[in-house]
């Protein structure tokens, strides 16, 4: 029996034989789909697979213990307490319905602060992405980064100002 899959056309449930992706009715989309896949493969190449294998699958011990902390009941209760304290409002931009809790000083930089309520703040996904980039520049956190000997910043308003300053510098480059 040949291997089959569903037609990739939205709403079509016709089964097609591999290696095709579309049924006879929607086969005109096959060439476009294959071109998109080839473009994606050219832009990502082997570096994408390499990044997954080295950074995601084979984390070092410090990273795996750090990620394990986020799966504990202790973290879940801390997270709930911070979200309730901040009323689900991003402490960096004021956006409501923010559901992410972030360490003001990254736990990679100072692990002793990981369970302190004073070091936790509610943050939206947009600000979290900006703050993660800022932390990599300021503290040297992240994969293959060497931690820098800099002063810890515990004030959310000061970090907010530094994020805004960095965002303005990036926009001036383009």
Protein backbone atom coordinates (compact mmCIF):
# COMPACT_ATOMS: atom_id res chain seq x y z
CA UNK A 1 0.00 0.00 0.00
CA UNK A 2 1.49 3.39 -0.99
CA UNK A 3 2.16 6.07 1.61
CA UNK A 4 -0.35 8.92 1.50
CA UNK A 5 -1.00 12.32 3.10
CA UNK A 6 -3.77 14.91 3.00
CA UNK A 7 -3.83 17.55 0.29
CA UNK A 8 -2.17 20.76 1.58
CA UNK A 9 -4.88 22.98 0.09
CA UNK A 10 -6.92 24.55 2.94
CA UNK A 11 -10.20 22.71 3.48
CA UNK A 12 -9.37 19.86 1.09
CA UNK A 13 -9.19 16.46 2.76
CA UNK A 14 -8.35 14.37 -0.30
CA UNK A 15 -5.57 11.86 0.22
CA UNK A 16 -2.60 12.07 -2.18
CA UNK A 17 0.29 9.67 -2.77
CA UNK A 18 3.73 10.72 -1.62
CA UNK A 19 5.78 12.62 -2.75
CA UNK A 20 2.96 14.89 -4.03
CA UNK A 21 1.56 17.56 -1.72
CA UNK A 22 -1.67 18.45 -3.59
CA UNK A 23 -4.53 16.45 -5.12
CA UNK A 24 -5.40 16.54 -8.83
CA UNK A 25 -7.90 19.35 -8.30
CA UNK A 26 -5.31 21.61 -6.61
CA UNK A 27 -2.15 20.36 -8.34
CA UNK A 28 -1.45 23.82 -9.83
CA UNK A 29 -0.23 24.88 -6.34
CA UNK A 30 2.43 22.13 -6.22
CA UNK A 31 5.14 24.05 -8.11
CA UNK A 32 4.63 27.18 -6.00
CA UNK A 33 4.82 25.15 -2.78
CA UNK A 34 8.02 23.38 -3.85
CA UNK A 35 9.60 26.72 -4.82
CA UNK A 36 8.80 28.14 -1.37
CA UNK A 37 10.33 25.07 0.29
CA UNK A 38 13.49 25.38 -1.81
CA UNK A 39 13.79 29.09 -0.98
CA UNK A 40 13.41 28.31 2.71
CA UNK A 41 16.06 25.58 2.51
CA UNK A 42 18.49 27.95 0.75
CA UNK A 43 18.07 30.69 3.35
CA UNK A 44 18.22 28.39 6.39
CA UNK A 45 20.49 25.68 5.02
CA UNK A 46 22.39 23.35 7.28
CA UNK A 47 23.00 26.08 9.85
CA UNK A 48 19.37 25.78 10.96
CA UNK A 49 19.74 22.06 11.68
CA UNK A 50 23.14 22.67 13.28
CA UNK A 51 21.68 25.29 15.62
CA UNK A 52 18.91 22.93 16.67
CA UNK A 53 21.31 20.09 17.38
CA UNK A 54 23.87 22.12 19.31
CA UNK A 55 21.72 24.65 21.12
CA UNK A 56 18.37 22.99 21.66
CA UNK A 57 19.08 19.30 22.00
CA UNK A 58 22.51 19.36 23.64
CA UNK A 59 22.23 22.01 26.30
CA UNK A 60 24.93 22.20 28.91
CA UNK A 61 24.16 21.34 32.54
CA UNK A 62 23.64 24.93 33.69
CA UNK A 63 21.01 25.56 31.03
CA UNK A 64 19.20 22.28 31.69
CA UNK A 65 18.95 23.02 35.44
CA UNK A 66 17.75 26.52 34.58
CA UNK A 67 15.01 25.14 32.31
CA UNK A 68 14.12 22.48 34.88
CA UNK A 69 13.33 25.25 37.39
CA UNK A 70 10.52 26.49 35.12
CA UNK A 71 8.80 23.10 35.37
CA UNK A 72 8.56 23.06 39.16
CA UNK A 73 5.51 23.75 41.32
CA UNK A 74 7.52 26.43 43.11
CA UNK A 75 7.91 28.38 39.84
CA UNK A 76 4.21 27.94 39.00
CA UNK A 77 3.17 29.43 42.35
CA UNK A 78 5.70 32.30 42.02
CA UNK A 79 4.46 33.01 38.50
CA UNK A 80 0.82 33.08 39.60
CA UNK A 81 1.66 35.39 42.50
CA UNK A 82 3.55 37.85 40.26
CA UNK A 83 0.79 37.91 37.63
CA UNK A 84 -1.80 38.63 40.33
CA UNK A 85 0.44 41.29 41.91
CA UNK A 86 0.97 43.05 38.55
CA UNK A 87 -2.65 42.51 37.40
CA UNK A 88 -1.41 40.93 34.13
CA UNK A 89 -0.04 44.31 32.98
CA UNK A 90 3.40 44.52 31.34
CA UNK A 91 5.67 46.44 33.69
CA UNK A 92 7.75 47.73 30.78
CA UNK A 93 5.14 49.11 28.35
CA UNK A 94 1.81 48.88 30.22
CA UNK A 95 0.16 46.45 27.78
CA UNK A 96 -2.73 44.55 29.45
CA UNK A 97 -3.26 40.76 29.33
CA UNK A 98 0.46 40.00 29.52
CA UNK A 99 1.00 36.45 30.72
CA UNK A 100 4.80 36.10 30.83
CA UNK A 101 6.82 36.50 34.00
CA UNK A 102 10.42 37.58 33.55
CA UNK A 103 13.46 37.79 35.81
CA UNK A 104 14.57 41.42 36.01
CA UNK A 105 18.16 40.25 36.55
CA UNK A 106 18.56 37.06 34.48
CA UNK A 107 19.03 33.88 36.50
CA UNK A 108 21.91 32.97 34.21
CA UNK A 109 23.73 36.04 35.54
CA UNK A 110 22.74 35.68 39.21
CA UNK A 111 21.13 32.31 40.08
CA UNK A 112 20.57 33.35 43.71
CA UNK A 113 17.76 35.71 42.59
CA UNK A 114 15.71 33.13 40.70
CA UNK A 115 13.04 32.67 43.39
CA UNK A 116 12.86 36.25 44.67
CA UNK A 117 9.58 38.05 44.07
CA UNK A 118 11.43 41.37 43.88
CA UNK A 119 13.34 40.06 40.85
CA UNK A 120 10.19 39.04 38.93
CA UNK A 121 7.99 41.22 36.73
CA UNK A 122 5.13 40.67 34.30
CA UNK A 123 6.16 41.33 30.71
CA UNK A 124 4.49 41.13 27.29
CA UNK A 125 5.98 39.01 24.51
CA UNK A 126 7.19 42.05 22.53
CA UNK A 127 9.06 43.57 25.48
CA UNK A 128 10.36 40.14 26.48
CA UNK A 129 11.99 39.73 23.08
CA UNK A 130 13.54 43.20 23.32
CA UNK A 131 14.70 42.59 26.87
CA UNK A 132 16.27 39.25 25.96
CA UNK A 133 18.28 40.95 23.21
CA UNK A 134 19.27 43.72 25.63
CA UNK A 135 20.35 41.16 28.26
CA UNK A 136 22.58 39.45 25.72
CA UNK A 137 24.27 42.77 24.97
CA UNK A 138 24.45 44.07 28.55
CA UNK A 139 25.04 40.93 30.66
CA UNK A 140 26.44 38.64 27.99
CA UNK A 141 23.76 35.99 28.54
CA UNK A 142 22.67 33.47 25.94
CA UNK A 143 24.33 30.67 24.07
CA UNK A 144 28.10 30.85 23.79
CA UNK A 145 28.10 34.23 25.54
CA UNK A 146 30.66 35.10 28.15
CA UNK A 147 29.05 36.81 31.12
CA UNK A 148 30.27 40.36 31.58
CA UNK A 149 31.26 41.86 34.92
CA UNK A 150 28.67 44.66 34.98
CA UNK A 151 26.42 46.16 37.63
CA UNK A 152 23.11 44.36 38.12
CA UNK A 153 20.11 46.54 37.29
CA UNK A 154 17.12 45.81 39.55
CA UNK A 155 14.99 48.81 38.55
CA UNK A 156 12.40 48.04 35.86
CA UNK A 157 12.11 51.75 34.93
CA UNK A 158 15.85 51.98 34.28
CA UNK A 159 15.75 48.86 32.10
CA UNK A 160 12.71 50.29 30.28
CA UNK A 161 14.69 53.44 29.53
CA UNK A 162 17.68 51.39 28.29
CA UNK A 163 15.37 49.27 26.08
CA UNK A 164 13.83 52.41 24.58
CA UNK A 165 17.29 53.90 24.04
CA UNK A 166 18.44 50.71 22.27
CA UNK A 167 15.30 50.60 20.12
CA UNK A 168 15.89 54.20 18.98
CA UNK A 169 19.52 53.40 18.11
CA UNK A 170 18.44 50.38 16.05
CA UNK A 171 15.82 52.43 14.17
CA UNK A 172 18.40 55.11 13.32
CA UNK A 173 20.63 52.50 11.66
CA UNK A 174 17.97 51.62 9.09
